[in-house]
């Protein structure tokens, strides 16, 4: 264990690769509904990810804490807003199809489907944030977190990898349409990942970014589980070609445009992050609220710098009272 904690970067990368590969070899519970099956798989994967984080010395990041969660929800609220809008549009379109053509239908188990989708999204958020934001991002920070440029590089690299794992591995032939879908989905997920990485760096709240991830996914899933069977086994890339691939490409272009403002927010958060920050595999890593979230809080000075507050006027008068003006005395006959 000491060897692992002395060489955090190579071991964190190795554990990240192992966790990603386990996603495709973990046993499936095929007799269960798709959402429950996927949720149980993520429960197992989350437990394995927690064990790997602990081996690297990141037990502090796994301690349950509400500190920083509110800040994470505020700083990374944009993906949730986008998901809410897209989910509402999808729900309205599907409802229109029901009334116009009857091709879609209200699932008789829609409430159960929603609970199953929430179960899946909770553990998708915990697993993927533990895999990418904790193992990979913090692993890179352990080597490059000594400078702001190193922190920015760590955020971008982990976010691009986060985008790529949504379309890998590739099964079957890869034509031009498939390649375009893969690139656009990678960019779209990377934009979200960059905001989550910068929020994680700013708040140190693993459970905060996992909750944001969970809610952003869940709000997109709700229309699918309300109108339909709740089977969302389709992937992010269509290899069927034709109109289906074109529709996905157009939707990904639209999503990339929608998520572009997240880049501005991410860069601001990275610019405000304290330097140095060597990641969550050190004892000093604890969740924290951002100053703007704490009502009535004054900005805190940098560590090691103590600021003595200026005394108030009342205190100054109490310690150094102003002498009373005395009436001067004049000699007799002196003009006044």
C-alpha atoms as a PDB file:
ATOM      1  CA  UNK A   1       0.000   0.000   0.000  1.00  0.00           C
ATOM      2  CA  UNK A   2       2.878   2.390   0.729  1.00  0.00           C
ATOM      3  CA  UNK A   3       4.232   1.764  -2.767  1.00  0.00           C
ATOM      4  CA  UNK A   4       0.827   2.638  -4.247  1.00  0.00           C
ATOM      5  CA  UNK A   5       0.550   5.883  -2.279  1.00  0.00           C
ATOM      6  CA  UNK A   6       4.092   6.922  -3.174  1.00  0.00           C
ATOM      7  CA  UNK A   7       3.334   6.525  -6.902  1.00  0.00           C
ATOM      8  CA  UNK A   8      -0.174   7.937  -7.171  1.00  0.00           C
ATOM      9  CA  UNK A   9      -0.249   8.909 -10.858  1.00  0.00           C
ATOM     10  CA  UNK A  10       0.619   5.549 -12.465  1.00  0.00           C
ATOM     11  CA  UNK A  11      -1.568   3.640 -10.022  1.00  0.00           C
ATOM     12  CA  UNK A  12      -4.517   5.994 -10.433  1.00  0.00           C
ATOM     13  CA  UNK A  13      -4.330   5.610 -14.217  1.00  0.00           C
ATOM     14  CA  UNK A  14      -4.084   1.826 -13.853  1.00  0.00           C
ATOM     15  CA  UNK A  15      -7.100   1.760 -11.519  1.00  0.00           C
ATOM     16  CA  UNK A  16      -9.046   3.984 -13.937  1.00  0.00           C
ATOM     17  CA  UNK A  17      -8.377   1.578 -16.823  1.00  0.00           C
ATOM     18  CA  UNK A  18      -9.332  -1.375 -14.621  1.00  0.00           C
ATOM     19  CA  UNK A  19     -12.603   0.265 -13.589  1.00  0.00           C
ATOM     20  CA  UNK A  20     -13.455   1.076 -17.198  1.00  0.00           C
ATOM     21  CA  UNK A  21     -12.782  -2.504 -18.317  1.00  0.00           C
ATOM     22  CA  UNK A  22     -14.843  -3.915 -15.440  1.00  0.00           C
ATOM     23  CA  UNK A  23     -17.836  -2.049 -16.844  1.00  0.00           C
ATOM     24  CA  UNK A  24     -17.889  -4.522 -19.743  1.00  0.00           C
ATOM     25  CA  UNK A  25     -17.166  -7.729 -17.840  1.00  0.00           C
ATOM     26  CA  UNK A  26     -19.312  -7.238 -14.748  1.00  0.00           C
ATOM     27  CA  UNK A  27     -22.032  -9.904 -14.573  1.00  0.00           C
ATOM     28  CA  UNK A  28     -25.466  -8.935 -15.823  1.00  0.00           C
ATOM     29  CA  UNK A  29     -28.740  -9.714 -14.092  1.00  0.00           C
ATOM     30  CA  UNK A  30     -30.667 -10.332 -17.286  1.00  0.00           C
ATOM     31  CA  UNK A  31     -33.793 -11.582 -15.502  1.00  0.00           C
ATOM     32  CA  UNK A  32     -34.274  -8.111 -14.018  1.00  0.00           C
ATOM     33  CA  UNK A  33     -35.579  -5.004 -15.804  1.00  0.00           C
ATOM     34  CA  UNK A  34     -32.936  -3.143 -17.766  1.00  0.00           C
ATOM     35  CA  UNK A  35     -32.761  -0.159 -15.388  1.00  0.00           C
ATOM     36  CA  UNK A  36     -32.468  -2.315 -12.287  1.00  0.00           C
ATOM     37  CA  UNK A  37     -29.866  -4.519 -13.973  1.00  0.00           C
ATOM     38  CA  UNK A  38     -27.775  -1.482 -14.897  1.00  0.00           C
ATOM     39  CA  UNK A  39     -28.196  -0.023 -11.423  1.00  0.00           C
ATOM     40  CA  UNK A  40     -27.002  -3.195  -9.679  1.00  0.00           C
ATOM     41  CA  UNK A  41     -23.989  -3.354 -11.975  1.00  0.00           C
ATOM     42  CA  UNK A  42     -23.088   0.226 -11.004  1.00  0.00           C
ATOM     43  CA  UNK A  43     -23.495  -0.616  -7.319  1.00  0.00           C
ATOM     44  CA  UNK A  44     -20.809  -3.287  -7.690  1.00  0.00           C
ATOM     45  CA  UNK A  45     -18.601  -1.002  -9.782  1.00  0.00           C
ATOM     46  CA  UNK A  46     -18.999   1.843  -7.279  1.00  0.00           C
ATOM     47  CA  UNK A  47     -17.897  -0.437  -4.443  1.00  0.00           C
ATOM     48  CA  UNK A  48     -14.812  -1.510  -6.424  1.00  0.00           C
ATOM     49  CA  UNK A  49     -14.044   2.129  -7.276  1.00  0.00           C
ATOM     50  CA  UNK A  50     -14.309   3.117  -3.604  1.00  0.00           C
ATOM     51  CA  UNK A  51     -11.826   0.374  -2.720  1.00  0.00           C
ATOM     52  CA  UNK A  52      -9.340   1.642  -5.316  1.00  0.00           C
ATOM     53  CA  UNK A  53      -9.716   5.220  -4.079  1.00  0.00           C
ATOM     54  CA  UNK A  54      -9.054   4.050  -0.511  1.00  0.00           C
ATOM     55  CA  UNK A  55      -5.917   2.189  -1.596  1.00  0.00           C
ATOM     56  CA  UNK A  56      -4.586   5.426  -3.094  1.00  0.00           C
ATOM     57  CA  UNK A  57      -5.161   7.281   0.183  1.00  0.00           C
ATOM     58  CA  UNK A  58      -8.358   9.075  -0.791  1.00  0.00           C
ATOM     59  CA  UNK A  59     -10.499   7.997   2.162  1.00  0.00           C
ATOM     60  CA  UNK A  60     -11.208  11.638   3.045  1.00  0.00           C
ATOM     61  CA  UNK A  61     -12.988  12.297  -0.251  1.00  0.00           C
ATOM     62  CA  UNK A  62     -15.347   9.374   0.417  1.00  0.00           C
ATOM     63  CA  UNK A  63     -16.476  10.506   3.874  1.00  0.00           C
ATOM     64  CA  UNK A  64     -20.158  11.464   3.669  1.00  0.00           C
ATOM     65  CA  UNK A  65     -20.484  15.217   3.978  1.00  0.00           C
ATOM     66  CA  UNK A  66     -23.001  17.825   2.904  1.00  0.00           C
ATOM     67  CA  UNK A  67     -20.301  20.477   2.912  1.00  0.00           C
ATOM     68  CA  UNK A  68     -19.742  21.700  -0.633  1.00  0.00           C
ATOM     69  CA  UNK A  69     -22.820  19.970  -2.050  1.00  0.00           C
ATOM     70  CA  UNK A  70     -24.831  23.190  -2.163  1.00  0.00           C
ATOM     71  CA  UNK A  71     -21.923  24.985  -3.820  1.00  0.00           C
ATOM     72  CA  UNK A  72     -21.538  22.189  -6.391  1.00  0.00           C
ATOM     73  CA  UNK A  73     -25.244  22.337  -7.234  1.00  0.00           C
ATOM     74  CA  UNK A  74     -25.008  26.091  -7.722  1.00  0.00           C
ATOM     75  CA  UNK A  75     -21.726  26.191  -9.657  1.00  0.00           C
ATOM     76  CA  UNK A  76     -22.647  23.280 -11.960  1.00  0.00           C
ATOM     77  CA  UNK A  77     -26.356  23.956 -12.333  1.00  0.00           C
ATOM     78  CA  UNK A  78     -26.144  24.596 -16.080  1.00  0.00           C
ATOM     79  CA  UNK A  79     -26.184  20.920 -17.244  1.00  0.00           C
ATOM     80  CA  UNK A  80     -29.233  20.300 -15.045  1.00  0.00           C
ATOM     81  CA  UNK A  81     -31.043  23.270 -16.588  1.00  0.00           C
ATOM     82  CA  UNK A  82     -30.203  22.055 -20.102  1.00  0.00           C
ATOM     83  CA  UNK A  83     -31.364  18.532 -19.242  1.00  0.00           C
ATOM     84  CA  UNK A  84     -34.604  19.893 -17.815  1.00  0.00           C
ATOM     85  CA  UNK A  85     -35.306  21.912 -20.968  1.00  0.00           C
ATOM     86  CA  UNK A  86     -34.400  19.045 -23.320  1.00  0.00           C
ATOM     87  CA  UNK A  87     -36.414  16.600 -21.240  1.00  0.00           C
ATOM     88  CA  UNK A  88     -39.457  18.880 -21.329  1.00  0.00           C
ATOM     89  CA  UNK A  89     -39.146  19.270 -25.111  1.00  0.00           C
ATOM     90  CA  UNK A  90     -38.828  15.504 -25.538  1.00  0.00           C
ATOM     91  CA  UNK A  91     -41.853  14.917 -23.322  1.00  0.00           C
ATOM     92  CA  UNK A  92     -43.924  17.453 -25.254  1.00  0.00           C
ATOM     93  CA  UNK A  93     -42.945  15.927 -28.623  1.00  0.00           C
ATOM     94  CA  UNK A  94     -43.755  12.400 -27.440  1.00  0.00           C
ATOM     95  CA  UNK A  95     -47.085  13.573 -26.018  1.00  0.00           C
ATOM     96  CA  UNK A  96     -47.884  15.156 -29.381  1.00  0.00           C
ATOM     97  CA  UNK A  97     -47.104  11.864 -31.116  1.00  0.00           C
ATOM     98  CA  UNK A  98     -49.468  10.051 -28.751  1.00  0.00           C
ATOM     99  CA  UNK A  99     -52.385  12.300 -29.599  1.00  0.00           C
ATOM    100  CA  UNK A 100     -51.601  12.553 -33.309  1.00  0.00           C
ATOM    101  CA  UNK A 101     -50.520   9.053 -34.283  1.00  0.00           C
ATOM    102  CA  UNK A 102     -50.702   6.808 -31.250  1.00  0.00           C
ATOM    103  CA  UNK A 103     -47.146   5.558 -31.908  1.00  0.00           C
ATOM    104  CA  UNK A 104     -46.086   6.230 -28.316  1.00  0.00           C
ATOM    105  CA  UNK A 105     -47.957   5.297 -25.170  1.00  0.00           C
ATOM    106  CA  UNK A 106     -47.983   6.026 -21.464  1.00  0.00           C
ATOM    107  CA  UNK A 107     -46.266   3.161 -19.715  1.00  0.00           C
ATOM    108  CA  UNK A 108     -48.556   1.441 -17.192  1.00  0.00           C
ATOM    109  CA  UNK A 109     -45.558   1.176 -14.860  1.00  0.00           C
ATOM    110  CA  UNK A 110     -44.344   4.761 -15.359  1.00  0.00           C
ATOM    111  CA  UNK A 111     -43.966   5.489 -11.624  1.00  0.00           C
ATOM    112  CA  UNK A 112     -41.938   2.317 -11.042  1.00  0.00           C
ATOM    113  CA  UNK A 113     -39.871   3.131 -14.136  1.00  0.00           C
ATOM    114  CA  UNK A 114     -39.054   6.571 -12.714  1.00  0.00           C
ATOM    115  CA  UNK A 115     -37.839   5.038  -9.441  1.00  0.00           C
ATOM    116  CA  UNK A 116     -35.742   2.496 -11.349  1.00  0.00           C
ATOM    117  CA  UNK A 117     -34.243   5.270 -13.498  1.00  0.00           C
ATOM    118  CA  UNK A 118     -33.395   7.262 -10.367  1.00  0.00           C
ATOM    119  CA  UNK A 119     -31.703   4.195  -8.851  1.00  0.00           C
ATOM    120  CA  UNK A 120     -29.600   3.763 -11.991  1.00  0.00           C
ATOM    121  CA  UNK A 121     -28.703   7.464 -12.253  1.00  0.00           C
ATOM    122  CA  UNK A 122     -27.585   7.696  -8.620  1.00  0.00           C
ATOM    123  CA  UNK A 123     -25.016   4.951  -9.042  1.00  0.00           C
ATOM    124  CA  UNK A 124     -24.012   6.050 -12.540  1.00  0.00           C
ATOM    125  CA  UNK A 125     -23.133   9.399 -10.980  1.00  0.00           C
ATOM    126  CA  UNK A 126     -21.228   7.840  -8.075  1.00  0.00           C
ATOM    127  CA  UNK A 127     -19.339   5.380 -10.282  1.00  0.00           C
ATOM    128  CA  UNK A 128     -18.389   7.690 -13.156  1.00  0.00           C
ATOM    129  CA  UNK A 129     -17.427  10.606 -10.900  1.00  0.00           C
ATOM    130  CA  UNK A 130     -15.359   8.271  -8.745  1.00  0.00           C
ATOM    131  CA  UNK A 131     -13.723   6.781 -11.824  1.00  0.00           C
ATOM    132  CA  UNK A 132     -12.995  10.000 -13.750  1.00  0.00           C
ATOM    133  CA  UNK A 133     -13.044  12.920 -11.323  1.00  0.00           C
ATOM    134  CA  UNK A 134     -11.414  11.121  -8.369  1.00  0.00           C
ATOM    135  CA  UNK A 135      -9.146   8.425  -9.812  1.00  0.00           C
ATOM    136  CA  UNK A 136      -8.086  10.053 -13.089  1.00  0.00           C
ATOM    137  CA  UNK A 137      -8.408  13.788 -12.407  1.00  0.00           C
ATOM    138  CA  UNK A 138      -6.934  13.678  -8.897  1.00  0.00           C
ATOM    139  CA  UNK A 139      -4.244  11.292 -10.098  1.00  0.00           C
ATOM    140  CA  UNK A 140      -3.094  13.830 -12.689  1.00  0.00           C
ATOM    141  CA  UNK A 141      -3.334  16.607 -10.086  1.00  0.00           C
ATOM    142  CA  UNK A 142      -0.975  14.676  -7.814  1.00  0.00           C
ATOM    143  CA  UNK A 143       1.768  15.369 -10.349  1.00  0.00           C
ATOM    144  CA  UNK A 144       0.627  18.580 -12.051  1.00  0.00           C
ATOM    145  CA  UNK A 145      -1.400  20.401  -9.397  1.00  0.00           C
ATOM    146  CA  UNK A 146       1.500  22.606  -8.382  1.00  0.00           C
ATOM    147  CA  UNK A 147       0.648  25.238 -10.987  1.00  0.00           C
ATOM    148  CA  UNK A 148      -2.516  26.663 -12.507  1.00  0.00           C
ATOM    149  CA  UNK A 149      -1.499  25.446 -15.963  1.00  0.00           C
ATOM    150  CA  UNK A 150      -1.091  21.944 -14.561  1.00  0.00           C
ATOM    151  CA  UNK A 151      -4.555  22.091 -13.011  1.00  0.00           C
ATOM    152  CA  UNK A 152      -6.093  23.268 -16.287  1.00  0.00           C
ATOM    153  CA  UNK A 153      -4.349  20.472 -18.211  1.00  0.00           C
ATOM    154  CA  UNK A 154      -5.612  17.907 -15.682  1.00  0.00           C
ATOM    155  CA  UNK A 155      -9.167  19.201 -16.069  1.00  0.00           C
ATOM    156  CA  UNK A 156      -9.063  19.128 -19.884  1.00  0.00           C
ATOM    157  CA  UNK A 157      -7.387  15.708 -20.163  1.00  0.00           C
ATOM    158  CA  UNK A 158      -9.793  14.034 -17.730  1.00  0.00           C
ATOM    159  CA  UNK A 159     -12.773  15.675 -19.456  1.00  0.00           C
ATOM    160  CA  UNK A 160     -11.743  14.503 -22.925  1.00  0.00           C
ATOM    161  CA  UNK A 161     -11.298  10.984 -21.567  1.00  0.00           C
ATOM    162  CA  UNK A 162     -14.716  11.281 -19.905  1.00  0.00           C
ATOM    163  CA  UNK A 163     -16.217  12.150 -23.285  1.00  0.00           C
ATOM    164  CA  UNK A 164     -14.408   9.333 -25.079  1.00  0.00           C
ATOM    165  CA  UNK A 165     -15.541   6.569 -22.707  1.00  0.00           C
ATOM    166  CA  UNK A 166     -19.147   7.314 -23.665  1.00  0.00           C
ATOM    167  CA  UNK A 167     -18.527   6.028 -27.212  1.00  0.00           C
ATOM    168  CA  UNK A 168     -15.892   3.349 -26.561  1.00  0.00           C
ATOM    169  CA  UNK A 169     -15.398   0.546 -27.304  1.00  0.00           C
ATOM    170  CA  UNK A 170     -16.528   0.615 -30.921  1.00  0.00           C
ATOM    171  CA  UNK A 171     -18.399  -2.444 -32.117  1.00  0.00           C
ATOM    172  CA  UNK A 172     -18.774  -3.162 -35.811  1.00  0.00           C
ATOM    173  CA  UNK A 173     -17.711  -1.121 -38.803  1.00  0.00           C
ATOM    174  CA  UNK A 174     -16.958   2.595 -38.419  1.00  0.00           C
ATOM    175  CA  UNK A 175     -18.088   4.663 -41.409  1.00  0.00           C
ATOM    176  CA  UNK A 176     -18.152   8.453 -41.753  1.00  0.00           C
ATOM    177  CA  UNK A 177     -21.545   8.841 -40.080  1.00  0.00           C
ATOM    178  CA  UNK A 178     -20.478   6.710 -37.113  1.00  0.00           C
ATOM    179  CA  UNK A 179     -17.229   8.653 -36.759  1.00  0.00           C
ATOM    180  CA  UNK A 180     -19.034  12.004 -36.769  1.00  0.00           C
ATOM    181  CA  UNK A 181     -21.451  10.768 -34.109  1.00  0.00           C
ATOM    182  CA  UNK A 182     -18.559   9.564 -31.957  1.00  0.00           C
ATOM    183  CA  UNK A 183     -16.688  12.865 -32.227  1.00  0.00           C
ATOM    184  CA  UNK A 184     -19.742  15.000 -31.473  1.00  0.00           C
ATOM    185  CA  UNK A 185     -20.803  12.857 -28.496  1.00  0.00           C
ATOM    186  CA  UNK A 186     -17.236  13.000 -27.148  1.00  0.00           C
ATOM    187  CA  UNK A 187     -17.213  16.800 -27.383  1.00  0.00           C
ATOM    188  CA  UNK A 188     -20.644  17.128 -25.801  1.00  0.00           C
ATOM    189  CA  UNK A 189     -19.772  14.888 -22.847  1.00  0.00           C
ATOM    190  CA  UNK A 190     -16.343  16.529 -22.499  1.00  0.00           C
ATOM    191  CA  UNK A 191     -17.963  19.958 -22.090  1.00  0.00           C
ATOM    192  CA  UNK A 192     -20.048  18.622 -19.214  1.00  0.00           C
ATOM    193  CA  UNK A 193     -16.999  16.840 -17.802  1.00  0.00           C
ATOM    194  CA  UNK A 194     -14.964  20.059 -17.831  1.00  0.00           C
ATOM    195  CA  UNK A 195     -17.588  21.846 -15.761  1.00  0.00           C
ATOM    196  CA  UNK A 196     -17.771  18.927 -13.314  1.00  0.00           C
ATOM    197  CA  UNK A 197     -13.967  18.801 -13.006  1.00  0.00           C
ATOM    198  CA  UNK A 198     -13.663  22.540 -12.339  1.00  0.00           C
ATOM    199  CA  UNK A 199     -16.538  22.384  -9.834  1.00  0.00           C
ATOM    200  CA  UNK A 200     -14.903  19.436  -8.083  1.00  0.00           C
ATOM    201  CA  UNK A 201     -11.630  21.359  -7.882  1.00  0.00           C
ATOM    202  CA  UNK A 202     -13.390  24.430  -6.513  1.00  0.00           C
ATOM    203  CA  UNK A 203     -15.612  22.704  -3.936  1.00  0.00           C
ATOM    204  CA  UNK A 204     -13.707  19.454  -3.218  1.00  0.00           C
ATOM    205  CA  UNK A 205     -17.151  17.834  -3.032  1.00  0.00           C
ATOM    206  CA  UNK A 206     -17.266  14.398  -4.655  1.00  0.00           C
ATOM    207  CA  UNK A 207     -20.872  13.849  -3.608  1.00  0.00           C
ATOM    208  CA  UNK A 208     -21.793  17.281  -4.962  1.00  0.00           C
ATOM    209  CA  UNK A 209     -20.577  16.588  -8.510  1.00  0.00           C
ATOM    210  CA  UNK A 210     -22.000  13.039  -8.345  1.00  0.00           C
ATOM    211  CA  UNK A 211     -25.406  14.530  -7.492  1.00  0.00           C
ATOM    212  CA  UNK A 212     -25.164  16.997 -10.392  1.00  0.00           C
ATOM    213  CA  UNK A 213     -24.255  14.120 -12.729  1.00  0.00           C
ATOM    214  CA  UNK A 214     -27.163  12.049 -11.404  1.00  0.00           C
ATOM    215  CA  UNK A 215     -29.760  14.803 -11.810  1.00  0.00           C
ATOM    216  CA  UNK A 216     -28.551  15.808 -15.298  1.00  0.00           C
ATOM    217  CA  UNK A 217     -28.960  12.203 -16.491  1.00  0.00           C
ATOM    218  CA  UNK A 218     -32.232  11.622 -14.650  1.00  0.00           C
ATOM    219  CA  UNK A 219     -33.962  14.680 -16.093  1.00  0.00           C
ATOM    220  CA  UNK A 220     -33.170  13.408 -19.593  1.00  0.00           C
ATOM    221  CA  UNK A 221     -34.365   9.876 -18.787  1.00  0.00           C
ATOM    222  CA  UNK A 222     -37.760  10.815 -17.349  1.00  0.00           C
ATOM    223  CA  UNK A 223     -39.601  11.219 -20.704  1.00  0.00           C
ATOM    224  CA  UNK A 224     -38.220   7.893 -21.928  1.00  0.00           C
ATOM    225  CA  UNK A 225     -39.449   5.969 -18.889  1.00  0.00           C
ATOM    226  CA  UNK A 226     -42.832   7.692 -18.716  1.00  0.00           C
ATOM    227  CA  UNK A 227     -43.655   7.181 -22.394  1.00  0.00           C
ATOM    228  CA  UNK A 228     -42.528   3.686 -23.266  1.00  0.00           C
ATOM    229  CA  UNK A 229     -41.346   0.479 -21.668  1.00  0.00           C
ATOM    230  CA  UNK A 230     -38.431   1.957 -19.727  1.00  0.00           C
ATOM    231  CA  UNK A 231     -35.947   0.038 -21.870  1.00  0.00           C
ATOM    232  CA  UNK A 232     -33.154   2.474 -22.735  1.00  0.00           C
ATOM    233  CA  UNK A 233     -30.652  -0.067 -23.941  1.00  0.00           C
ATOM    234  CA  UNK A 234     -29.803   1.908 -27.080  1.00  0.00           C
ATOM    235  CA  UNK A 235     -26.308   3.353 -27.318  1.00  0.00           C
ATOM    236  CA  UNK A 236     -25.012   6.820 -28.082  1.00  0.00           C
ATOM    237  CA  UNK A 237     -24.018   5.892 -31.651  1.00  0.00           C
ATOM    238  CA  UNK A 238     -26.223   4.455 -34.378  1.00  0.00           C
ATOM    239  CA  UNK A 239     -24.545   2.128 -36.855  1.00  0.00           C
ATOM    240  CA  UNK A 240     -27.753   1.641 -38.821  1.00  0.00           C
ATOM    241  CA  UNK A 241     -27.023   4.720 -40.909  1.00  0.00           C
ATOM    242  CA  UNK A 242     -29.686   6.636 -42.760  1.00  0.00           C
ATOM    243  CA  UNK A 243     -32.115   8.985 -41.051  1.00  0.00           C
ATOM    244  CA  UNK A 244     -31.427   7.621 -37.578  1.00  0.00           C
ATOM    245  CA  UNK A 245     -27.740   8.573 -37.767  1.00  0.00           C
ATOM    246  CA  UNK A 246     -28.586  11.994 -39.215  1.00  0.00           C
ATOM    247  CA  UNK A 247     -31.020  12.697 -36.390  1.00  0.00           C
ATOM    248  CA  UNK A 248     -28.364  11.805 -33.810  1.00  0.00           C
ATOM    249  CA  UNK A 249     -25.789  14.015 -35.504  1.00  0.00           C
ATOM    250  CA  UNK A 250     -28.165  16.984 -35.563  1.00  0.00           C
ATOM    251  CA  UNK A 251     -29.096  16.431 -31.910  1.00  0.00           C
ATOM    252  CA  UNK A 252     -25.417  16.265 -30.882  1.00  0.00           C
ATOM    253  CA  UNK A 253     -24.616  19.478 -32.764  1.00  0.00           C
ATOM    254  CA  UNK A 254     -27.515  21.141 -30.967  1.00  0.00           C
ATOM    255  CA  UNK A 255     -26.290  19.779 -27.611  1.00  0.00           C
ATOM    256  CA  UNK A 256     -22.720  20.998 -28.205  1.00  0.00           C
ATOM    257  CA  UNK A 257     -24.005  24.506 -28.924  1.00  0.00           C
ATOM    258  CA  UNK A 258     -26.163  24.420 -25.794  1.00  0.00           C
ATOM    259  CA  UNK A 259     -23.263  23.329 -23.578  1.00  0.00           C
ATOM    260  CA  UNK A 260     -20.735  25.872 -24.884  1.00  0.00           C
ATOM    261  CA  UNK A 261     -21.542  28.392 -22.101  1.00  0.00           C
ATOM    262  CA  UNK A 262     -20.346  25.750 -19.648  1.00  0.00           C
ATOM    263  CA  UNK A 263     -16.807  26.301 -20.947  1.00  0.00           C
ATOM    264  CA  UNK A 264     -16.889  29.950 -19.830  1.00  0.00           C
ATOM    265  CA  UNK A 265     -18.097  28.913 -16.382  1.00  0.00           C
ATOM    266  CA  UNK A 266     -15.452  26.190 -16.181  1.00  0.00           C
ATOM    267  CA  UNK A 267     -12.605  28.553 -17.024  1.00  0.00           C
ATOM    268  CA  UNK A 268     -13.788  31.015 -14.397  1.00  0.00           C
ATOM    269  CA  UNK A 269     -13.847  28.291 -11.754  1.00  0.00           C
ATOM    270  CA  UNK A 270     -10.379  27.106 -12.764  1.00  0.00           C
ATOM    271  CA  UNK A 271      -9.119  30.683 -12.593  1.00  0.00           C
ATOM    272  CA  UNK A 272     -10.523  31.037  -9.052  1.00  0.00           C
ATOM    273  CA  UNK A 273      -9.134  27.720  -7.795  1.00  0.00           C
ATOM    274  CA  UNK A 274      -6.467  27.897  -5.119  1.00  0.00           C
ATOM    275  CA  UNK A 275      -2.939  27.005  -6.212  1.00  0.00           C
ATOM    276  CA  UNK A 276      -1.384  24.556  -5.497  1.00  0.00           C
ATOM    277  CA  UNK A 277      -3.909  21.711  -5.326  1.00  0.00           C
ATOM    278  CA  UNK A 278      -2.447  18.215  -5.546  1.00  0.00           C
ATOM    279  CA  UNK A 279      -5.757  16.371  -5.577  1.00  0.00           C
ATOM    280  CA  UNK A 280      -7.784  14.340  -3.143  1.00  0.00           C
ATOM    281  CA  UNK A 281      -5.127  11.778  -2.217  1.00  0.00           C
ATOM    282  CA  UNK A 282      -3.724  14.094   0.468  1.00  0.00           C
ATOM    283  CA  UNK A 283      -5.001  14.667   3.996  1.00  0.00           C
ATOM    284  CA  UNK A 284      -5.580  18.385   3.431  1.00  0.00           C
ATOM    285  CA  UNK A 285      -8.304  17.698   0.840  1.00  0.00           C
ATOM    286  CA  UNK A 286     -11.647  18.437   2.518  1.00  0.00           C
ATOM    287  CA  UNK A 287     -14.981  19.553   1.050  1.00  0.00           C
ATOM    288  CA  UNK A 288     -15.586  23.295   1.195  1.00  0.00           C
ATOM    289  CA  UNK A 289     -18.240  25.839   0.375  1.00  0.00           C
ATOM    290  CA  UNK A 290     -17.462  28.573  -2.106  1.00  0.00           C
ATOM    291  CA  UNK A 291     -17.440  31.998  -0.488  1.00  0.00           C
ATOM    292  CA  UNK A 292     -20.308  33.307  -2.614  1.00  0.00           C
ATOM    293  CA  UNK A 293     -22.540  30.485  -1.347  1.00  0.00           C
ATOM    294  CA  UNK A 294     -22.140  31.285   2.348  1.00  0.00           C
ATOM    295  CA  UNK A 295     -24.559  34.034   3.300  1.00  0.00           C
ATOM    296  CA  UNK A 296     -23.035  36.861   5.234  1.00  0.00           C
ATOM    297  CA  UNK A 297     -19.560  35.378   4.983  1.00  0.00           C
ATOM    298  CA  UNK A 298     -16.568  37.605   4.435  1.00  0.00           C
ATOM    299  CA  UNK A 299     -13.871  36.607   1.949  1.00  0.00           C
ATOM    300  CA  UNK A 300     -11.238  34.454   3.624  1.00  0.00           C
ATOM    301  CA  UNK A 301      -7.581  35.433   3.291  1.00  0.00           C
ATOM    302  CA  UNK A 302      -5.159  32.952   1.697  1.00  0.00           C
ATOM    303  CA  UNK A 303      -3.701  30.316   3.993  1.00  0.00           C
ATOM    304  CA  UNK A 304      -0.793  31.616   6.031  1.00  0.00           C
ATOM    305  CA  UNK A 305      -1.918  35.249   5.832  1.00  0.00           C
ATOM    306  CA  UNK A 306      -3.681  36.687   8.861  1.00  0.00           C
ATOM    307  CA  UNK A 307      -5.612  39.882   8.490  1.00  0.00           C
ATOM    308  CA  UNK A 308      -6.294  42.071  11.536  1.00  0.00           C
ATOM    309  CA  UNK A 309      -9.642  43.833  11.149  1.00  0.00           C
ATOM    310  CA  UNK A 310      -9.553  47.586  11.279  1.00  0.00           C
ATOM    311  CA  UNK A 311     -10.983  48.954  14.557  1.00  0.00           C
ATOM    312  CA  UNK A 312     -14.311  50.683  14.343  1.00  0.00           C
ATOM    313  CA  UNK A 313     -14.708  54.396  14.978  1.00  0.00           C
ATOM    314  CA  UNK A 314     -16.493  53.662  18.271  1.00  0.00           C
ATOM    315  CA  UNK A 315     -13.602  51.508  19.463  1.00  0.00           C
ATOM    316  CA  UNK A 316     -11.103  54.182  18.485  1.00  0.00           C
ATOM    317  CA  UNK A 317     -13.021  56.810  20.445  1.00  0.00           C
ATOM    318  CA  UNK A 318     -13.267  54.496  23.443  1.00  0.00           C
ATOM    319  CA  UNK A 319      -9.522  53.918  23.561  1.00  0.00           C
ATOM    320  CA  UNK A 320      -8.438  57.388  22.432  1.00  0.00           C
ATOM    321  CA  UNK A 321     -11.194  59.822  23.370  1.00  0.00           C
ATOM    322  CA  UNK A 322     -11.172  63.232  21.721  1.00  0.00           C
ATOM    323  CA  UNK A 323     -10.222  65.865  24.381  1.00  0.00           C
ATOM    324  CA  UNK A 324     -12.946  68.320  25.292  1.00  0.00           C
ATOM    325  CA  UNK A 325     -12.458  71.821  23.974  1.00  0.00           C
ATOM    326  CA  UNK A 326     -11.655  74.203  26.769  1.00  0.00           C
ATOM    327  CA  UNK A 327     -12.715  77.835  26.791  1.00  0.00           C
ATOM    328  CA  UNK A 328      -9.585  80.013  26.654  1.00  0.00           C
ATOM    329  CA  UNK A 329      -8.944  82.622  29.341  1.00  0.00           C
ATOM    330  CA  UNK A 330      -7.932  86.130  28.335  1.00  0.00           C
ATOM    331  CA  UNK A 331      -6.127  88.813  30.311  1.00  0.00           C
ATOM    332  CA  UNK A 332      -8.237  91.725  31.514  1.00  0.00           C
ATOM    333  CA  UNK A 333      -8.829  94.217  28.763  1.00  0.00           C
ATOM    334  CA  UNK A 334      -7.774  91.775  26.018  1.00  0.00           C
ATOM    335  CA  UNK A 335      -9.981  92.074  22.945  1.00  0.00           C
ATOM    336  CA  UNK A 336     -12.169  89.129  22.399  1.00  0.00           C
END
